[in-house]
Amino acid sequence: MKKLLAAFIIAGGLLMASHAYCEVTDKVEIIVNDEMITRREIDSSLAPVYDKYKTVYSGEELISKLVEARQNIVSQLIDDRLVYSEAKRLNVQVSEEEVDERMEQTYKNFGTKEEFKKVLSMQQITEKELRDRYREQIASRRLVDQKVGSKVVITPSEAIEYYNKHVTEFSEPEELNVLNIMIKPGEDPKRSATLIQDILKRLNEGCDFGGLAKIYSEGPGAEEGGSMGYVKRGDLMPQIEGPIFNLKDGEISGVIQTSAGYHIFKVVDRKSAKTRTLNEARDDVEGAIFRQKVNEKIKVWIATLRKNAYIEIR
C-alpha cells in the first residue's frame, strides 16, 4: 500500500527537491476519469530523482535514466488517481480532523511552521494543495484497506511455509552489554598509558567500573558509567571485538590500544545467539505474508480500474 500511495506523500524528501528543476506550470498532462495530473506535479515528483541521478549519471545515460523514471512516475500517478477517483465514486469520507493531524505531523517534521512554509514556497506548493493531497492519500488508503486489505486471509500452513523458507531472517546474533573506559593519547601518550594501567589496577582491586568511567573516561557514554549498550559482532573494530566476545559475564578486559586511545571493557550481560520460533516471530511472518498478498491483489484491482477508466495522455 505504501508503494501504491507514494506519489501522494510530499512531505520529507519530495518537499526537499531541487526547486531549480521543477517547472512552475499547471499544464494538464493527463486526465484520469475526472482527475487531472499536471506537468508541475510530474516534475515535482521527478525532482528528487533528478537530484539523486545527477550525482551518479551524466550525458545520454542521465537522460535515459530520467526518461525511464518519468515513465514510472507517470504510471504511479495514474494509479494513484485511479484509486482516488474510485474512492470519490464510493463516497469514502475523510474528516478535516484527520487532515489536520497529518498537517501537524508534517509541521513537527520540519521543526517549525515557518521552516515548513519556506520549503512549500520554494516548491511552489500551497498549504491548500498539500491538504488536498493528504486528503486524497487518506481516502485512497482507506479504500485500499476496504477493497484489498480486509479480504486478505493468512492460513496457519502459509505462516509455517513462509517461516521455514525464511528462517534465517529470524536469527538473532549474540549480543553483549558492554561498559567502556577510554583514555585518549592526548599530547602526552606516556601519561595516558600510565593512567589507563592505574585504572586497570584499581578495577582489579574491586573499584566500581561505572564510577571510574564517570571520572576518567573520555569515550562515549562516560556520563552513564561508560555504557555502550548492546553490541554485536561487526559493530566494533576487529582488535576490540575479538577480546570482548571472549570475555565472560562480569569479566574485565586488559588494556586494549587502538588508534582512538587506550580502552578497558567490561561485559555486563550477554544475549546468546538464537533463532526465534514461529510463535515468537508470528507478527513479522504474518506481516510479510500480508504485504505480499496485498501487493498482488492491488495489481489485479488496479488493472481492473484501468480497464474501466477514461485515461487521456496529452
C-alpha atoms as a PDB file:
ATOM      1  CA  MET A   1       0.000   0.000   0.000  1.00  0.00           C
ATOM      2  CA  LYS A   2       2.819   2.375   0.778  1.00  0.00           C
ATOM      3  CA  LYS A   3       4.195   1.997  -2.740  1.00  0.00           C
ATOM      4  CA  LEU A   4       0.772   2.463  -4.278  1.00  0.00           C
ATOM      5  CA  LEU A   5       0.228   5.730  -2.437  1.00  0.00           C
ATOM      6  CA  ALA A   6       3.789   7.069  -2.507  1.00  0.00           C
ATOM      7  CA  ALA A   7       3.060   9.799  -5.022  1.00  0.00           C
ATOM      8  CA  PHE A   8       0.708  11.491  -2.588  1.00  0.00           C
ATOM      9  CA  ILE A   9       3.307  11.766   0.170  1.00  0.00           C
ATOM     10  CA  ILE A  10       5.104  15.027  -0.471  1.00  0.00           C
ATOM     11  CA  ALA A  11       6.443  15.714   2.996  1.00  0.00           C
ATOM     12  CA  GLY A  12      10.119  14.979   3.578  1.00  0.00           C
ATOM     13  CA  GLY A  13      12.222  14.062   0.551  1.00  0.00           C
ATOM     14  CA  LEU A  14       9.856  15.366  -2.098  1.00  0.00           C
ATOM     15  CA  LEU A  15       9.467  18.704  -0.398  1.00  0.00           C
ATOM     16  CA  MET A  16      13.241  18.994  -0.277  1.00  0.00           C
ATOM     17  CA  ALA A  17      13.560  18.506  -4.041  1.00  0.00           C
ATOM     18  CA  SER A  18      15.571  20.895  -6.153  1.00  0.00           C
ATOM     19  CA  HIS A  19      13.436  23.954  -6.889  1.00  0.00           C
ATOM     20  CA  ALA A  20      15.572  24.755  -9.904  1.00  0.00           C
ATOM     21  CA  TYR A  21      14.481  21.563 -11.625  1.00  0.00           C
ATOM     22  CA  CYS A  22      10.736  21.967 -11.084  1.00  0.00           C
ATOM     23  CA  GLU A  23       8.830  23.737 -13.827  1.00  0.00           C
ATOM     24  CA  VAL A  24       6.320  26.195 -12.449  1.00  0.00           C
ATOM     25  CA  THR A  25       3.393  25.368 -14.668  1.00  0.00           C
ATOM     26  CA  ASP A  26      -0.052  23.839 -14.229  1.00  0.00           C
ATOM     27  CA  LYS A  27      -0.404  22.498 -17.756  1.00  0.00           C
ATOM     28  CA  VAL A  28      -2.623  19.414 -17.665  1.00  0.00           C
ATOM     29  CA  GLU A  29      -0.687  16.416 -18.958  1.00  0.00           C
ATOM     30  CA  ILE A  30      -3.036  13.529 -18.114  1.00  0.00           C
ATOM     31  CA  ILE A  31      -6.728  13.129 -17.362  1.00  0.00           C
ATOM     32  CA  VAL A  32      -7.846  10.124 -15.325  1.00  0.00           C
ATOM     33  CA  ASN A  33     -11.650   9.948 -15.184  1.00  0.00           C
ATOM     34  CA  ASP A  34     -12.399  13.329 -13.597  1.00  0.00           C
ATOM     35  CA  GLU A  35      -8.930  13.763 -12.079  1.00  0.00           C
ATOM     36  CA  MET A  36      -6.088  15.777 -13.628  1.00  0.00           C
ATOM     37  CA  ILE A  37      -2.316  15.323 -13.440  1.00  0.00           C
ATOM     38  CA  THR A  38      -0.324  18.461 -14.233  1.00  0.00           C
ATOM     39  CA  ARG A  39       3.164  18.870 -15.572  1.00  0.00           C
ATOM     40  CA  ARG A  40       4.152  20.610 -12.360  1.00  0.00           C
ATOM     41  CA  GLU A  41       3.120  17.574 -10.331  1.00  0.00           C
ATOM     42  CA  ILE A  42       5.098  15.236 -12.570  1.00  0.00           C
ATOM     43  CA  ASP A  43       8.176  17.476 -12.496  1.00  0.00           C
ATOM     44  CA  SER A  44       7.865  17.933  -8.752  1.00  0.00           C
ATOM     45  CA  SER A  45       7.817  14.152  -8.280  1.00  0.00           C
ATOM     46  CA  LEU A  46      10.756  13.754 -10.645  1.00  0.00           C
ATOM     47  CA  ALA A  47      12.891  16.432  -8.989  1.00  0.00           C
ATOM     48  CA  PRO A  48      14.305  14.303  -6.127  1.00  0.00           C
ATOM     49  CA  VAL A  49      15.082  11.524  -8.615  1.00  0.00           C
ATOM     50  CA  TYR A  50      16.930  14.036 -10.773  1.00  0.00           C
ATOM     51  CA  ASP A  51      18.898  15.311  -7.768  1.00  0.00           C
ATOM     52  CA  LYS A  52      19.943  11.724  -6.984  1.00  0.00           C
ATOM     53  CA  TYR A  53      20.668  10.612 -10.545  1.00  0.00           C
ATOM     54  CA  LYS A  54      22.778  13.626 -11.492  1.00  0.00           C
ATOM     55  CA  THR A  55      25.322  12.608  -8.852  1.00  0.00           C
ATOM     56  CA  VAL A  56      25.684   9.173 -10.476  1.00  0.00           C
ATOM     57  CA  TYR A  57      24.961   9.601 -14.196  1.00  0.00           C
ATOM     58  CA  SER A  58      25.721  12.163 -16.872  1.00  0.00           C
ATOM     59  CA  GLY A  59      25.105  12.865 -20.551  1.00  0.00           C
ATOM     60  CA  GLU A  60      22.924  10.458 -22.512  1.00  0.00           C
ATOM     61  CA  GLU A  61      22.857   7.920 -19.675  1.00  0.00           C
ATOM     62  CA  LEU A  62      21.380  10.551 -17.336  1.00  0.00           C
ATOM     63  CA  ILE A  63      18.746  11.474 -19.923  1.00  0.00           C
ATOM     64  CA  SER A  64      17.859   7.809 -20.475  1.00  0.00           C
ATOM     65  CA  LYS A  65      17.523   7.183 -16.736  1.00  0.00           C
ATOM     66  CA  LEU A  66      15.341  10.265 -16.297  1.00  0.00           C
ATOM     67  CA  VAL A  67      13.068   9.259 -19.177  1.00  0.00           C
ATOM     68  CA  GLU A  68      12.592   5.858 -17.565  1.00  0.00           C
ATOM     69  CA  ALA A  69      11.998   7.460 -14.157  1.00  0.00           C
ATOM     70  CA  ARG A  70       9.437   9.854 -15.628  1.00  0.00           C
ATOM     71  CA  GLN A  71       7.538   6.966 -17.219  1.00  0.00           C
ATOM     72  CA  ASN A  72       7.433   5.149 -13.876  1.00  0.00           C
ATOM     73  CA  ILE A  73       6.283   8.289 -12.062  1.00  0.00           C
ATOM     74  CA  VAL A  74       3.535   8.933 -14.622  1.00  0.00           C
ATOM     75  CA  SER A  75       2.333   5.339 -14.294  1.00  0.00           C
ATOM     76  CA  GLN A  76       2.320   5.644 -10.485  1.00  0.00           C
ATOM     77  CA  LEU A  77       0.436   8.943 -10.574  1.00  0.00           C
ATOM     78  CA  ILE A  78      -2.181   7.414 -12.867  1.00  0.00           C
ATOM     79  CA  ASP A  79      -2.609   4.504 -10.441  1.00  0.00           C
ATOM     80  CA  ASP A  80      -2.978   6.956  -7.565  1.00  0.00           C
ATOM     81  CA  ARG A  81      -5.624   8.937  -9.409  1.00  0.00           C
ATOM     82  CA  LEU A  82      -7.493   5.780 -10.339  1.00  0.00           C
ATOM     83  CA  VAL A  83      -7.709   4.800  -6.689  1.00  0.00           C
ATOM     84  CA  TYR A  84      -8.754   8.271  -5.560  1.00  0.00           C
ATOM     85  CA  SER A  85     -11.320   8.541  -8.343  1.00  0.00           C
ATOM     86  CA  GLU A  86     -12.797   5.255  -7.134  1.00  0.00           C
ATOM     87  CA  ALA A  87     -12.744   6.495  -3.554  1.00  0.00           C
ATOM     88  CA  LYS A  88     -14.748   9.557  -4.573  1.00  0.00           C
ATOM     89  CA  ARG A  89     -17.182   7.432  -6.570  1.00  0.00           C
ATOM     90  CA  LEU A  90     -17.787   5.293  -3.483  1.00  0.00           C
ATOM     91  CA  ASN A  91     -18.030   8.396  -1.302  1.00  0.00           C
ATOM     92  CA  VAL A  92     -15.168   7.463   1.037  1.00  0.00           C
ATOM     93  CA  GLN A  93     -15.188  10.144   3.727  1.00  0.00           C
ATOM     94  CA  VAL A  94     -12.177  11.920   5.256  1.00  0.00           C
ATOM     95  CA  SER A  95     -12.656  14.321   8.144  1.00  0.00           C
ATOM     96  CA  GLU A  96     -10.887  17.663   8.440  1.00  0.00           C
ATOM     97  CA  GLU A  97      -9.535  16.483  11.790  1.00  0.00           C
ATOM     98  CA  GLU A  98      -7.673  13.657  10.026  1.00  0.00           C
ATOM     99  CA  VAL A  99      -6.128  16.101   7.569  1.00  0.00           C
ATOM    100  CA  ASP A 100      -5.263  18.468  10.430  1.00  0.00           C
ATOM    101  CA  GLU A 101      -3.457  15.618  12.194  1.00  0.00           C
ATOM    102  CA  ARG A 102      -1.332  14.905   9.115  1.00  0.00           C
ATOM    103  CA  MET A 103      -0.513  18.582   8.736  1.00  0.00           C
ATOM    104  CA  GLU A 104       0.525  18.847  12.378  1.00  0.00           C
ATOM    105  CA  GLN A 105       2.844  15.855  11.975  1.00  0.00           C
ATOM    106  CA  THR A 106       4.382  17.499   8.920  1.00  0.00           C
ATOM    107  CA  TYR A 107       4.966  20.717  10.864  1.00  0.00           C
ATOM    108  CA  LYS A 108       6.791  18.706  13.520  1.00  0.00           C
ATOM    109  CA  ASN A 109       8.976  17.031  10.902  1.00  0.00           C
ATOM    110  CA  PHE A 110      10.180  20.448   9.763  1.00  0.00           C
ATOM    111  CA  GLY A 111      10.722  21.791  13.258  1.00  0.00           C
ATOM    112  CA  THR A 112       8.691  24.960  12.853  1.00  0.00           C
ATOM    113  CA  LYS A 113       5.757  26.121  10.743  1.00  0.00           C
ATOM    114  CA  GLU A 114       7.943  28.923   9.406  1.00  0.00           C
ATOM    115  CA  GLU A 115      10.507  26.474   8.036  1.00  0.00           C
ATOM    116  CA  PHE A 116       7.718  24.334   6.629  1.00  0.00           C
ATOM    117  CA  LYS A 117       6.126  27.301   4.849  1.00  0.00           C
ATOM    118  CA  LYS A 118       9.524  28.352   3.499  1.00  0.00           C
ATOM    119  CA  VAL A 119      10.019  24.959   1.859  1.00  0.00           C
ATOM    120  CA  LEU A 120       6.466  24.979   0.492  1.00  0.00           C
ATOM    121  CA  SER A 121       7.148  28.388  -1.040  1.00  0.00           C
ATOM    122  CA  MET A 122      10.366  27.139  -2.643  1.00  0.00           C
ATOM    123  CA  GLN A 123       8.433  24.279  -4.198  1.00  0.00           C
ATOM    124  CA  GLN A 124       5.561  26.475  -5.361  1.00  0.00           C
ATOM    125  CA  ILE A 125       3.122  24.356  -3.324  1.00  0.00           C
ATOM    126  CA  THR A 126       0.377  25.927  -1.267  1.00  0.00           C
ATOM    127  CA  GLU A 127      -0.872  24.600   2.052  1.00  0.00           C
ATOM    128  CA  LYS A 128      -4.262  24.042   0.439  1.00  0.00           C
ATOM    129  CA  GLU A 129      -2.645  21.840  -2.226  1.00  0.00           C
ATOM    130  CA  LEU A 130      -0.866  19.881   0.467  1.00  0.00           C
ATOM    131  CA  ARG A 131      -4.077  19.437   2.446  1.00  0.00           C
ATOM    132  CA  ASP A 132      -5.841  18.244  -0.714  1.00  0.00           C
ATOM    133  CA  ARG A 133      -3.130  15.677  -1.379  1.00  0.00           C
ATOM    134  CA  TYR A 134      -3.219  14.422   2.190  1.00  0.00           C
ATOM    135  CA  ARG A 135      -6.999  14.122   1.898  1.00  0.00           C
ATOM    136  CA  GLU A 136      -6.546  12.084  -1.286  1.00  0.00           C
ATOM    137  CA  GLN A 137      -3.957   9.893   0.392  1.00  0.00           C
ATOM    138  CA  ILE A 138      -6.122   9.141   3.425  1.00  0.00           C
ATOM    139  CA  ALA A 139      -9.182   8.401   1.288  1.00  0.00           C
ATOM    140  CA  SER A 140      -7.190   6.174  -1.065  1.00  0.00           C
ATOM    141  CA  ARG A 141      -5.573   4.229   1.735  1.00  0.00           C
ATOM    142  CA  ARG A 142      -8.945   3.728   3.382  1.00  0.00           C
ATOM    143  CA  LEU A 143     -10.372   2.360   0.160  1.00  0.00           C
ATOM    144  CA  VAL A 144      -7.399   0.036  -0.341  1.00  0.00           C
ATOM    145  CA  ASP A 145      -7.924  -1.281   3.183  1.00  0.00           C
ATOM    146  CA  GLN A 146     -11.603  -1.915   2.418  1.00  0.00           C
ATOM    147  CA  LYS A 147     -11.202  -3.417  -1.036  1.00  0.00           C
ATOM    148  CA  VAL A 148      -7.943  -5.316  -0.580  1.00  0.00           C
ATOM    149  CA  GLY A 149      -6.553  -5.417   2.944  1.00  0.00           C
ATOM    150  CA  SER A 150      -9.762  -6.552   4.624  1.00  0.00           C
ATOM    151  CA  LYS A 151     -10.041  -9.501   2.234  1.00  0.00           C
ATOM    152  CA  VAL A 152      -6.584 -10.926   2.888  1.00  0.00           C
ATOM    153  CA  VAL A 153      -6.634 -14.189   4.838  1.00  0.00           C
ATOM    154  CA  ILE A 154      -3.488 -15.874   6.155  1.00  0.00           C
ATOM    155  CA  THR A 155      -3.730 -19.578   6.956  1.00  0.00           C
ATOM    156  CA  PRO A 156      -1.571 -21.407   9.538  1.00  0.00           C
ATOM    157  CA  SER A 157       0.005 -23.513   6.769  1.00  0.00           C
ATOM    158  CA  GLU A 158       1.053 -20.352   4.896  1.00  0.00           C
ATOM    159  CA  ALA A 159       2.711 -18.991   8.032  1.00  0.00           C
ATOM    160  CA  ILE A 160       4.596 -22.273   8.564  1.00  0.00           C
ATOM    161  CA  GLU A 161       5.727 -22.411   4.927  1.00  0.00           C
ATOM    162  CA  TYR A 162       6.929 -18.787   4.950  1.00  0.00           C
ATOM    163  CA  TYR A 163       8.767 -19.253   8.236  1.00  0.00           C
ATOM    164  CA  ASN A 164      10.566 -22.396   7.020  1.00  0.00           C
ATOM    165  CA  LYS A 165      11.662 -20.661   3.809  1.00  0.00           C
ATOM    166  CA  HIS A 166      12.910 -17.538   5.610  1.00  0.00           C
ATOM    167  CA  VAL A 167      14.066 -18.992   8.912  1.00  0.00           C
ATOM    168  CA  THR A 168      17.483 -17.283   8.645  1.00  0.00           C
ATOM    169  CA  GLU A 169      15.724 -13.911   8.751  1.00  0.00           C
ATOM    170  CA  PHE A 170      14.587 -14.683  12.275  1.00  0.00           C
ATOM    171  CA  SER A 171      18.056 -15.446  13.612  1.00  0.00           C
ATOM    172  CA  GLU A 172      19.335 -13.056  16.274  1.00  0.00           C
ATOM    173  CA  PRO A 173      23.115 -12.812  16.795  1.00  0.00           C
ATOM    174  CA  GLU A 174      24.921 -12.927  20.108  1.00  0.00           C
ATOM    175  CA  GLU A 175      24.920  -9.525  21.819  1.00  0.00           C
ATOM    176  CA  LEU A 176      26.933  -8.158  24.726  1.00  0.00           C
ATOM    177  CA  ASN A 177      26.040  -5.299  27.055  1.00  0.00           C
ATOM    178  CA  VAL A 178      29.383  -3.537  27.436  1.00  0.00           C
ATOM    179  CA  LEU A 179      30.941  -0.791  29.561  1.00  0.00           C
ATOM    180  CA  ASN A 180      33.986   1.092  28.306  1.00  0.00           C
ATOM    181  CA  ILE A 181      36.663   3.301  29.799  1.00  0.00           C
ATOM    182  CA  MET A 182      38.698   5.123  27.157  1.00  0.00           C
ATOM    183  CA  ILE A 183      41.685   7.408  27.649  1.00  0.00           C
ATOM    184  CA  LYS A 184      42.844   9.398  24.634  1.00  0.00           C
ATOM    185  CA  PRO A 185      46.607   9.625  23.977  1.00  0.00           C
ATOM    186  CA  GLY A 186      46.472  13.433  24.006  1.00  0.00           C
ATOM    187  CA  GLU A 187      49.692  15.418  23.971  1.00  0.00           C
ATOM    188  CA  ASP A 188      51.342  13.079  26.485  1.00  0.00           C
ATOM    189  CA  PRO A 189      50.792   9.436  25.420  1.00  0.00           C
ATOM    190  CA  LYS A 190      53.102   8.203  28.168  1.00  0.00           C
ATOM    191  CA  ARG A 191      50.940   9.834  30.836  1.00  0.00           C
ATOM    192  CA  SER A 192      47.790   8.363  29.241  1.00  0.00           C
ATOM    193  CA  ALA A 193      49.344   4.879  29.147  1.00  0.00           C
ATOM    194  CA  THR A 194      50.288   5.178  32.837  1.00  0.00           C
ATOM    195  CA  LEU A 195      46.776   6.395  33.746  1.00  0.00           C
ATOM    196  CA  ILE A 196      44.976   3.539  31.974  1.00  0.00           C
ATOM    197  CA  GLN A 197      47.224   0.983  33.726  1.00  0.00           C
ATOM    198  CA  ASP A 198      46.455   2.614  37.068  1.00  0.00           C
ATOM    199  CA  ILE A 199      42.718   2.440  36.325  1.00  0.00           C
ATOM    200  CA  LEU A 200      43.026  -1.255  35.407  1.00  0.00           C
ATOM    201  CA  LYS A 201      44.833  -1.918  38.687  1.00  0.00           C
ATOM    202  CA  ARG A 202      42.079  -0.212  40.665  1.00  0.00           C
ATOM    203  CA  LEU A 203      39.424  -2.197  38.810  1.00  0.00           C
ATOM    204  CA  ASN A 204      41.194  -5.458  39.616  1.00  0.00           C
ATOM    205  CA  GLU A 205      41.251  -4.375  43.251  1.00  0.00           C
ATOM    206  CA  GLY A 206      37.456  -4.132  43.188  1.00  0.00           C
ATOM    207  CA  CYS A 207      36.734  -0.467  42.382  1.00  0.00           C
ATOM    208  CA  ASP A 208      33.429   0.252  40.635  1.00  0.00           C
ATOM    209  CA  PHE A 209      33.794   0.282  36.844  1.00  0.00           C
ATOM    210  CA  GLY A 210      30.958   2.750  36.246  1.00  0.00           C
ATOM    211  CA  GLY A 211      32.249   5.131  38.894  1.00  0.00           C
ATOM    212  CA  LEU A 212      35.750   5.206  37.403  1.00  0.00           C
ATOM    213  CA  ALA A 213      34.286   5.632  33.916  1.00  0.00           C
ATOM    214  CA  LYS A 214      32.378   8.719  35.028  1.00  0.00           C
ATOM    215  CA  ILE A 215      35.575  10.208  36.472  1.00  0.00           C
ATOM    216  CA  TYR A 216      38.182   9.291  33.882  1.00  0.00           C
ATOM    217  CA  SER A 217      36.672   8.029  30.631  1.00  0.00           C
ATOM    218  CA  GLU A 218      36.892  10.221  27.542  1.00  0.00           C
ATOM    219  CA  GLY A 219      34.821   7.830  25.466  1.00  0.00           C
ATOM    220  CA  PRO A 220      31.130   7.627  24.552  1.00  0.00           C
ATOM    221  CA  GLY A 221      28.696   7.042  27.399  1.00  0.00           C
ATOM    222  CA  ALA A 222      31.137   8.270  30.056  1.00  0.00           C
ATOM    223  CA  GLU A 223      28.388  10.099  31.944  1.00  0.00           C
ATOM    224  CA  GLU A 224      26.374   6.848  32.013  1.00  0.00           C
ATOM    225  CA  GLY A 225      29.245   4.898  33.541  1.00  0.00           C
ATOM    226  CA  GLY A 226      30.810   4.059  30.174  1.00  0.00           C
ATOM    227  CA  SER A 227      27.719   2.284  28.859  1.00  0.00           C
ATOM    228  CA  MET A 228      27.884   1.244  25.215  1.00  0.00           C
ATOM    229  CA  GLY A 229      24.609  -0.641  25.342  1.00  0.00           C
ATOM    230  CA  TYR A 230      24.295  -3.941  23.495  1.00  0.00           C
ATOM    231  CA  VAL A 231      26.763  -4.619  20.676  1.00  0.00           C
ATOM    232  CA  LYS A 232      27.038  -7.485  18.222  1.00  0.00           C
ATOM    233  CA  ARG A 233      29.821  -8.783  16.033  1.00  0.00           C
ATOM    234  CA  GLY A 234      30.616  -6.285  13.307  1.00  0.00           C
ATOM    235  CA  ASP A 235      29.743  -3.250  15.429  1.00  0.00           C
ATOM    236  CA  LEU A 236      33.273  -2.771  16.760  1.00  0.00           C
ATOM    237  CA  MET A 237      36.830  -2.609  15.448  1.00  0.00           C
ATOM    238  CA  PRO A 238      38.385  -6.084  14.982  1.00  0.00           C
ATOM    239  CA  GLN A 239      41.092  -5.506  17.619  1.00  0.00           C
ATOM    240  CA  ILE A 240      38.325  -4.782  20.140  1.00  0.00           C
ATOM    241  CA  GLU A 241      35.698  -7.278  19.025  1.00  0.00           C
ATOM    242  CA  GLY A 242      37.814 -10.411  19.449  1.00  0.00           C
ATOM    243  CA  PRO A 243      38.868  -9.834  23.067  1.00  0.00           C
ATOM    244  CA  ILE A 244      35.435  -8.584  24.162  1.00  0.00           C
ATOM    245  CA  PHE A 245      33.493 -11.554  22.822  1.00  0.00           C
ATOM    246  CA  ASN A 246      35.897 -13.900  24.627  1.00  0.00           C
ATOM    247  CA  LEU A 247      35.063 -12.303  27.988  1.00  0.00           C
ATOM    248  CA  LYS A 248      32.688 -13.934  30.449  1.00  0.00           C
ATOM    249  CA  ASP A 249      29.809 -12.027  32.042  1.00  0.00           C
ATOM    250  CA  GLY A 250      31.191  -9.609  34.653  1.00  0.00           C
ATOM    251  CA  GLU A 251      34.763 -10.033  33.390  1.00  0.00           C
ATOM    252  CA  ILE A 252      37.049  -7.063  32.666  1.00  0.00           C
ATOM    253  CA  SER A 253      39.427  -6.929  29.714  1.00  0.00           C
ATOM    254  CA  GLY A 254      43.037  -5.880  29.837  1.00  0.00           C
ATOM    255  CA  VAL A 255      44.122  -2.626  28.236  1.00  0.00           C
ATOM    256  CA  ILE A 256      43.404  -2.594  24.507  1.00  0.00           C
ATOM    257  CA  GLN A 257      45.127   0.062  22.388  1.00  0.00           C
ATOM    258  CA  THR A 258      43.553   1.414  19.203  1.00  0.00           C
ATOM    259  CA  SER A 259      44.038   4.493  17.058  1.00  0.00           C
ATOM    260  CA  ALA A 260      41.475   6.248  19.291  1.00  0.00           C
ATOM    261  CA  GLY A 261      43.332   5.587  22.533  1.00  0.00           C
ATOM    262  CA  TYR A 262      43.503   3.096  25.390  1.00  0.00           C
ATOM    263  CA  HIS A 263      40.439   1.048  26.353  1.00  0.00           C
ATOM    264  CA  ILE A 264      39.217  -1.203  29.123  1.00  0.00           C
ATOM    265  CA  PHE A 265      35.934  -3.088  28.705  1.00  0.00           C
ATOM    266  CA  LYS A 266      33.559  -4.931  30.995  1.00  0.00           C
ATOM    267  CA  VAL A 267      30.828  -7.310  29.878  1.00  0.00           C
ATOM    268  CA  VAL A 268      27.709  -6.689  31.956  1.00  0.00           C
ATOM    269  CA  ASP A 269      25.273  -9.045  30.252  1.00  0.00           C
ATOM    270  CA  ARG A 270      25.128 -11.437  27.320  1.00  0.00           C
ATOM    271  CA  LYS A 271      22.310 -12.406  24.955  1.00  0.00           C
ATOM    272  CA  SER A 272      23.110 -15.701  23.296  1.00  0.00           C
ATOM    273  CA  ALA A 273      22.546 -16.154  19.586  1.00  0.00           C
ATOM    274  CA  LYS A 274      19.187 -17.706  18.887  1.00  0.00           C
ATOM    275  CA  THR A 275      16.557 -18.218  16.231  1.00  0.00           C
ATOM    276  CA  ARG A 276      13.078 -17.016  17.089  1.00  0.00           C
ATOM    277  CA  THR A 277      10.423 -19.693  16.940  1.00  0.00           C
ATOM    278  CA  LEU A 278       7.411 -19.309  14.683  1.00  0.00           C
ATOM    279  CA  ASN A 279       5.294 -18.230  17.645  1.00  0.00           C
ATOM    280  CA  GLU A 280       7.861 -15.597  18.608  1.00  0.00           C
ATOM    281  CA  ALA A 281       8.141 -14.330  15.026  1.00  0.00           C
ATOM    282  CA  ARG A 282       4.468 -14.705  14.125  1.00  0.00           C
ATOM    283  CA  ASP A 283       3.739 -10.968  13.837  1.00  0.00           C
ATOM    284  CA  ASP A 284       6.667 -10.481  11.445  1.00  0.00           C
ATOM    285  CA  VAL A 285       5.782 -13.607   9.453  1.00  0.00           C
ATOM    286  CA  GLU A 286       2.130 -12.675   9.043  1.00  0.00           C
ATOM    287  CA  GLY A 287       3.066  -9.068   8.289  1.00  0.00           C
ATOM    288  CA  ALA A 288       5.339 -10.173   5.448  1.00  0.00           C
ATOM    289  CA  ILE A 289       2.703 -12.520   4.017  1.00  0.00           C
ATOM    290  CA  PHE A 290       0.063  -9.800   4.319  1.00  0.00           C
ATOM    291  CA  ARG A 291       2.220  -7.322   2.365  1.00  0.00           C
ATOM    292  CA  GLN A 292       2.864  -9.890  -0.363  1.00  0.00           C
ATOM    293  CA  LYS A 293      -0.811 -10.699  -0.777  1.00  0.00           C
ATOM    294  CA  VAL A 294      -1.882  -7.070  -0.670  1.00  0.00           C
ATOM    295  CA  ASN A 295       0.630  -6.112  -3.362  1.00  0.00           C
ATOM    296  CA  GLU A 296      -0.576  -8.937  -5.586  1.00  0.00           C
ATOM    297  CA  LYS A 297      -4.249  -8.066  -5.086  1.00  0.00           C
ATOM    298  CA  ILE A 298      -3.616  -4.357  -5.621  1.00  0.00           C
ATOM    299  CA  LYS A 299      -2.079  -5.049  -9.029  1.00  0.00           C
ATOM    300  CA  VAL A 300      -5.136  -7.038 -10.102  1.00  0.00           C
ATOM    301  CA  TRP A 301      -7.552  -4.469  -8.671  1.00  0.00           C
ATOM    302  CA  ILE A 302      -5.817  -1.510 -10.315  1.00  0.00           C
ATOM    303  CA  ALA A 303      -5.680  -3.374 -13.633  1.00  0.00           C
ATOM    304  CA  THR A 304      -9.467  -3.631 -13.420  1.00  0.00           C
ATOM    305  CA  LEU A 305      -9.755   0.066 -12.589  1.00  0.00           C
ATOM    306  CA  ARG A 306      -7.554   0.927 -15.578  1.00  0.00           C
ATOM    307  CA  LYS A 307      -9.644  -1.236 -17.878  1.00  0.00           C
ATOM    308  CA  ASN A 308     -12.830   0.605 -16.948  1.00  0.00           C
ATOM    309  CA  ALA A 309     -11.332   4.098 -16.678  1.00  0.00           C
ATOM    310  CA  TYR A 310     -11.042   7.046 -19.024  1.00  0.00           C
ATOM    311  CA  ILE A 311      -7.336   7.920 -19.344  1.00  0.00           C
ATOM    312  CA  GLU A 312      -6.131  10.624 -21.700  1.00  0.00           C
ATOM    313  CA  ILE A 313      -2.405  11.394 -22.034  1.00  0.00           C
ATOM    314  CA  ARG A 314      -1.929  14.707 -23.819  1.00  0.00           C
END
